[in-house]
């Protein structure tokens, strides 16, 4: 099973968002023989015209010139240097590649991506480029898809994605997230489900089963990007939901099985994860990818 990944995603900075988690996840997948090392596909850098589909010229120029201001870095809430910007650009290329792979095979797995807080003209919440929006807009622009669904199950609202696609009736943005945490100012998705802190696996899965099949039936998407955040985990430091490992596997399996049953191409991105024990975040990402592969091999 092909998987998109680059060792250049790993950047050595002291920050809550551990870029190394993607490489650690990939290494664990190889160690556990879920994939072979030579099944990795290296992403290409996105073209400027692709970035401009979702971001303003001013912001794109800053990124490509690799000259973000101190204010830009503060708003993004992360240290920014050329290696960081390069990694974010490469993640965007990875999500584009996963999206195209999904159209070819039914499933595109990106061991990375999911920067859903990046807005049209600024970075935020550890996100500089909204790779989800860029990939969706590129496929729309190339007329490869016409009715995409962004299914965002990170613990935080996909506010940047919602802002970029605001008012676009042919794009459905679904965000199921915790209330009362970042971002302070929420955007309006096509459908937002806000969950109180302390929501456990049973209630979470009940709500997902009540809503996602209805979205697929009513909207009839021809493509899905699934943002499978690991930060719904009960041990996450930036979230307050109470899902265990098994609950998150059940979440992922539900999404994959629905997409597969309806023959809707699905691209997977991993997004956030800030477990107190970093190995727990890696385990969750590992389980997500393994569940995807197992589901689509059946």
Protein backbone atom coordinates (compact mmCIF):
# COMPACT_ATOMS: atom_id res chain seq x y z
CA UNK A 1 0.00 0.00 0.00
CA UNK A 2 1.51 3.31 -1.09
CA UNK A 3 1.86 6.04 1.54
CA UNK A 4 3.03 9.63 1.21
CA UNK A 5 5.80 10.64 3.60
CA UNK A 6 9.07 12.59 3.74
CA UNK A 7 11.86 12.62 6.29
CA UNK A 8 11.98 16.37 5.69
CA UNK A 9 8.78 16.69 7.75
CA UNK A 10 10.97 16.34 10.83
CA UNK A 11 12.23 19.74 11.98
CA UNK A 12 14.10 20.17 15.25
CA UNK A 13 12.30 22.92 17.18
CA UNK A 14 11.24 23.11 20.80
CA UNK A 15 7.46 23.18 20.45
CA UNK A 16 4.24 21.41 21.45
CA UNK A 17 3.77 20.26 17.86
CA UNK A 18 6.33 17.50 17.38
CA UNK A 19 7.10 17.25 13.67
CA UNK A 20 9.01 14.06 14.45
CA UNK A 21 5.74 12.26 15.21
CA UNK A 22 5.14 11.65 11.50
CA UNK A 23 8.54 10.03 11.01
CA UNK A 24 8.08 7.98 14.18
CA UNK A 25 4.68 6.83 12.89
CA UNK A 26 6.16 5.84 9.54
CA UNK A 27 9.01 3.92 11.22
CA UNK A 28 6.53 2.06 13.43
CA UNK A 29 4.41 1.12 10.40
CA UNK A 30 7.50 -0.38 8.77
CA UNK A 31 8.65 -2.09 11.98
CA UNK A 32 5.23 -3.70 12.47
CA UNK A 33 5.16 -4.71 8.80
CA UNK A 34 2.01 -2.79 8.05
CA UNK A 35 3.86 -1.24 5.10
CA UNK A 36 7.23 -1.69 3.43
CA UNK A 37 9.75 1.14 3.51
CA UNK A 38 9.90 1.23 -0.29
CA UNK A 39 6.14 1.88 -0.46
CA UNK A 40 6.70 5.49 0.62
CA UNK A 41 6.10 8.14 -2.02
CA UNK A 42 8.06 11.37 -1.63
CA UNK A 43 5.90 14.50 -1.98
CA UNK A 44 6.74 17.27 -4.42
CA UNK A 45 6.76 20.94 -3.55
CA UNK A 46 3.47 22.67 -4.43
CA UNK A 47 3.45 25.21 -7.22
CA UNK A 48 2.79 28.86 -6.46
CA UNK A 49 -0.41 28.76 -8.51
CA UNK A 50 -1.68 25.91 -6.32
CA UNK A 51 -1.06 27.84 -3.11
CA UNK A 52 -2.87 30.85 -4.59
CA UNK A 53 -6.03 28.78 -4.97
CA UNK A 54 -6.51 28.92 -1.19
CA UNK A 55 -4.26 31.75 0.03
CA UNK A 56 -3.71 35.41 -0.81
CA UNK A 57 -0.79 36.53 -2.92
CA UNK A 58 0.69 38.49 -0.03
CA UNK A 59 0.76 35.44 2.26
CA UNK A 60 2.04 33.11 -0.47
CA UNK A 61 4.86 35.52 -1.29
CA UNK A 62 5.92 35.60 2.36
CA UNK A 63 5.99 31.81 2.48
CA UNK A 64 7.88 31.34 -0.79
CA UNK A 65 10.37 34.06 0.15
CA UNK A 66 10.62 32.36 3.54
CA UNK A 67 10.47 35.72 5.28
CA UNK A 68 7.72 35.68 7.90
CA UNK A 69 7.68 38.52 10.41
CA UNK A 70 7.80 38.15 14.18
CA UNK A 71 4.09 39.04 14.17
CA UNK A 72 3.38 36.28 11.64
CA UNK A 73 5.23 33.77 13.79
CA UNK A 74 3.41 34.91 16.93
CA UNK A 75 0.03 34.56 15.23
CA UNK A 76 1.02 31.09 14.05
CA UNK A 77 2.02 30.29 17.65
CA UNK A 78 5.22 28.55 16.67
CA UNK A 79 8.90 29.28 15.98
CA UNK A 80 9.33 29.90 12.26
CA UNK A 81 12.50 29.41 10.23
CA UNK A 82 13.25 28.29 6.69
CA UNK A 83 13.20 24.61 7.63
CA UNK A 84 9.77 24.97 9.23
CA UNK A 85 8.35 26.81 6.21
CA UNK A 86 9.89 24.24 3.85
CA UNK A 87 8.31 21.40 5.85
CA UNK A 88 4.87 23.05 5.70
CA UNK A 89 5.20 23.54 1.95
CA UNK A 90 6.20 19.90 1.57
CA UNK A 91 3.24 18.73 3.68
CA UNK A 92 1.01 20.61 1.25
CA UNK A 93 2.57 18.77 -1.66
CA UNK A 94 2.02 15.54 0.25
CA UNK A 95 -1.68 16.18 0.68
CA UNK A 96 -2.02 17.04 -3.00
CA UNK A 97 -0.30 13.75 -3.84
CA UNK A 98 -2.54 11.81 -1.44
CA UNK A 99 -5.63 13.41 -2.97
CA UNK A 100 -4.62 12.35 -6.46
CA UNK A 101 -3.72 8.86 -5.23
CA UNK A 102 -7.20 8.61 -3.71
CA UNK A 103 -8.76 9.37 -7.08
CA UNK A 104 -6.63 6.67 -8.70
CA UNK A 105 -7.02 3.90 -6.12
CA UNK A 106 -9.85 4.88 -3.76
CA UNK A 107 -7.53 5.64 -0.82
CA UNK A 108 -4.67 8.11 -0.47
CA UNK A 109 -2.73 7.99 2.81
CA UNK A 110 -0.64 10.96 3.89
CA UNK A 111 1.55 10.36 6.93
CA UNK A 112 1.36 14.08 7.65
CA UNK A 113 -0.79 17.08 6.70
CA UNK A 114 -3.97 18.44 8.22
CA UNK A 115 -3.05 22.11 8.84
CA UNK A 116 -6.67 23.17 9.20
CA UNK A 117 -6.11 26.38 11.19
CA UNK A 118 -4.29 28.23 8.40
CA UNK A 119 -6.49 31.00 6.97
CA UNK A 120 -6.39 32.65 3.59
CA UNK A 121 -3.99 35.39 4.60
CA UNK A 122 -2.27 34.21 7.78
CA UNK A 123 -1.06 31.20 9.70
CA UNK A 124 -2.55 30.17 13.04
CA UNK A 125 -2.62 27.31 15.51
CA UNK A 126 0.72 25.79 14.42
CA UNK A 127 -0.46 25.87 10.77
CA UNK A 128 1.11 27.97 8.00
CA UNK A 129 -0.54 26.55 4.87
CA UNK A 130 -3.98 24.96 4.68
CA UNK A 131 -2.94 21.86 2.75
CA UNK A 132 -6.51 20.54 2.89
CA UNK A 133 -7.94 23.60 1.15
CA UNK A 134 -5.10 23.77 -1.38
CA UNK A 135 -5.58 20.12 -2.39
CA UNK A 136 -9.37 20.44 -2.64
CA UNK A 137 -9.18 23.65 -4.67
CA UNK A 138 -6.58 22.13 -7.00
CA UNK A 139 -8.78 19.10 -7.74
CA UNK A 140 -11.78 21.37 -8.25
CA UNK A 141 -9.79 23.67 -10.52
CA UNK A 142 -8.66 20.68 -12.60
CA UNK A 143 -12.27 19.43 -12.73
CA UNK A 144 -11.29 16.09 -11.20
CA UNK A 145 -13.97 16.47 -8.53
CA UNK A 146 -17.10 18.59 -8.14
CA UNK A 147 -18.55 17.97 -4.66
CA UNK A 148 -15.82 17.47 -2.03
CA UNK A 149 -16.41 16.82 1.66
CA UNK A 150 -13.90 17.79 4.33
CA UNK A 151 -14.58 15.55 7.34
CA UNK A 152 -12.60 17.11 10.19
CA UNK A 153 -12.53 15.06 13.38
CA UNK A 154 -9.65 16.82 15.10
CA UNK A 155 -10.46 18.01 18.64
CA UNK A 156 -10.20 21.62 17.42
CA UNK A 157 -12.51 23.24 14.88
CA UNK A 158 -11.20 23.42 11.32
CA UNK A 159 -11.64 27.18 11.33
CA UNK A 160 -9.20 27.99 8.55
CA UNK A 161 -10.80 25.46 6.22
CA UNK A 162 -14.27 26.80 7.03
CA UNK A 163 -13.14 30.38 6.35
CA UNK A 164 -11.54 29.53 3.02
CA UNK A 165 -14.63 27.67 1.77
CA UNK A 166 -17.18 30.04 3.29
CA UNK A 167 -20.24 30.35 1.06
CA UNK A 168 -19.17 27.66 -1.41
CA UNK A 169 -22.20 25.41 -1.75
CA UNK A 170 -20.32 22.73 -3.67
CA UNK A 171 -17.89 22.14 -0.78
CA UNK A 172 -19.15 20.63 2.49
CA UNK A 173 -17.08 21.30 5.60
CA UNK A 174 -17.96 19.08 8.58
CA UNK A 175 -16.16 19.76 11.85
CA UNK A 176 -16.85 17.72 14.98
CA UNK A 177 -14.82 19.26 17.79
CA UNK A 178 -14.69 20.23 21.45
CA UNK A 179 -16.40 23.44 22.54
CA UNK A 180 -14.63 26.10 24.56
CA UNK A 181 -11.06 25.52 23.35
CA UNK A 182 -8.90 26.88 20.54
CA UNK A 183 -9.75 28.65 18.32
CA UNK A 184 -11.39 31.26 20.52
CA UNK A 185 -13.30 32.67 17.53
CA UNK A 186 -14.99 29.85 15.64
CA UNK A 187 -15.84 30.02 11.96
CA UNK A 188 -19.04 28.57 10.52
CA UNK A 189 -18.61 25.22 8.79
CA UNK A 190 -21.34 23.63 6.70
CA UNK A 191 -21.98 21.59 9.83
CA UNK A 192 -20.35 22.09 13.23
CA UNK A 193 -20.87 19.64 16.09
CA UNK A 194 -19.49 21.06 19.33
CA UNK A 195 -18.92 18.59 22.13
CA UNK A 196 -18.57 19.42 25.81
CA UNK A 197 -15.34 18.64 27.61
CA UNK A 198 -15.40 15.14 29.03
CA UNK A 199 -17.34 13.59 26.15
CA UNK A 200 -16.42 9.92 26.02
CA UNK A 201 -16.13 7.39 23.26
CA UNK A 202 -19.68 6.03 23.35
CA UNK A 203 -21.32 9.46 22.99
CA UNK A 204 -18.76 10.60 20.42
CA UNK A 205 -19.35 7.55 18.23
CA UNK A 206 -23.13 7.85 18.61
CA UNK A 207 -23.05 11.43 17.32
CA UNK A 208 -20.73 10.53 14.46
CA UNK A 209 -22.98 7.64 13.41
CA UNK A 210 -26.01 9.94 13.59
CA UNK A 211 -24.49 12.64 11.40
CA UNK A 212 -21.88 11.40 8.93
CA UNK A 213 -24.09 8.94 7.00
CA UNK A 214 -26.71 11.66 6.62
CA UNK A 215 -24.13 14.06 5.21
CA UNK A 216 -23.06 11.49 2.64
CA UNK A 217 -26.66 10.78 1.70
CA UNK A 218 -27.76 14.40 1.41
CA UNK A 219 -24.65 16.06 -0.03
CA UNK A 220 -23.48 13.12 -2.16
CA UNK A 221 -19.77 13.99 -2.21
CA UNK A 222 -17.51 12.63 -4.92
CA UNK A 223 -14.37 13.04 -2.81
CA UNK A 224 -13.51 13.11 0.92
CA UNK A 225 -10.54 14.50 2.81
CA UNK A 226 -10.55 13.00 6.28
CA UNK A 227 -8.67 14.97 8.94
CA UNK A 228 -8.05 12.31 11.58
CA UNK A 229 -6.74 14.31 14.53
CA UNK A 230 -5.19 12.27 17.33
CA UNK A 231 -5.99 14.95 19.90
CA UNK A 232 -9.45 13.56 20.75
CA UNK A 233 -7.49 11.14 22.94
CA UNK A 234 -8.18 11.24 26.69
CA UNK A 235 -4.47 11.78 27.39
CA UNK A 236 -4.07 14.79 25.11
CA UNK A 237 -2.70 17.97 26.72
CA UNK A 238 -4.58 20.42 24.45
CA UNK A 239 -7.97 18.72 24.42
CA UNK A 240 -10.54 17.55 26.93
CA UNK A 241 -12.38 14.71 25.22
CA UNK A 242 -12.13 11.24 26.71
CA UNK A 243 -11.68 8.81 23.83
CA UNK A 244 -9.48 5.79 24.35
CA UNK A 245 -7.37 4.02 21.73
CA UNK A 246 -10.22 1.65 20.86
CA UNK A 247 -12.70 4.51 20.49
CA UNK A 248 -10.42 6.29 18.01
CA UNK A 249 -9.97 3.11 16.00
CA UNK A 250 -13.78 2.77 15.88
CA UNK A 251 -14.05 6.41 14.74
CA UNK A 252 -11.58 5.84 11.94
CA UNK A 253 -13.11 2.53 10.87
CA UNK A 254 -16.55 4.14 10.63
CA UNK A 255 -15.27 6.85 8.29
CA UNK A 256 -13.30 4.43 6.12
CA UNK A 257 -16.10 1.88 5.86
CA UNK A 258 -18.68 4.50 4.90
CA UNK A 259 -16.44 5.96 2.19
CA UNK A 260 -15.51 2.52 0.85
CA UNK A 261 -19.12 1.28 0.82
CA UNK A 262 -20.22 4.32 -1.18
CA UNK A 263 -17.12 4.15 -3.42
CA UNK A 264 -16.09 7.71 -2.56
CA UNK A 265 -12.34 8.32 -2.95
CA UNK A 266 -10.82 9.29 0.40
CA UNK A 267 -7.58 11.09 1.22
CA UNK A 268 -6.34 10.76 4.81
CA UNK A 269 -4.36 13.42 6.68
CA UNK A 270 -3.29 13.13 10.33
CA UNK A 271 -3.34 16.64 11.84
CA UNK A 272 -2.91 17.29 15.58
CA UNK A 273 -1.90 15.17 18.53
CA UNK A 274 -0.35 16.34 21.80
CA UNK A 275 -0.50 13.40 24.18
CA UNK A 276 1.35 13.73 27.46
CA UNK A 277 3.24 10.63 26.36
CA UNK A 278 4.45 11.31 22.79
CA UNK A 279 4.42 7.58 22.06
CA UNK A 280 0.63 7.62 22.55
CA UNK A 281 0.20 10.14 19.73
CA UNK A 282 2.37 7.98 17.47
CA UNK A 283 0.32 4.92 18.42
CA UNK A 284 -2.92 6.71 17.47
CA UNK A 285 -1.56 7.80 14.08
CA UNK A 286 -0.23 4.27 13.53
CA UNK A 287 -3.65 2.80 14.36
CA UNK A 288 -5.39 5.22 12.00
CA UNK A 289 -3.21 4.26 9.05
CA UNK A 290 -3.31 0.56 9.88
CA UNK A 291 -7.12 0.71 10.11
CA UNK A 292 -7.31 2.44 6.73
CA UNK A 293 -5.13 -0.20 5.09
CA UNK A 294 -7.01 -3.09 6.70
CA UNK A 295 -10.39 -1.65 5.71
CA UNK A 296 -9.48 -1.09 2.07
CA UNK A 297 -7.73 -4.46 1.70
CA UNK A 298 -10.90 -6.33 2.66
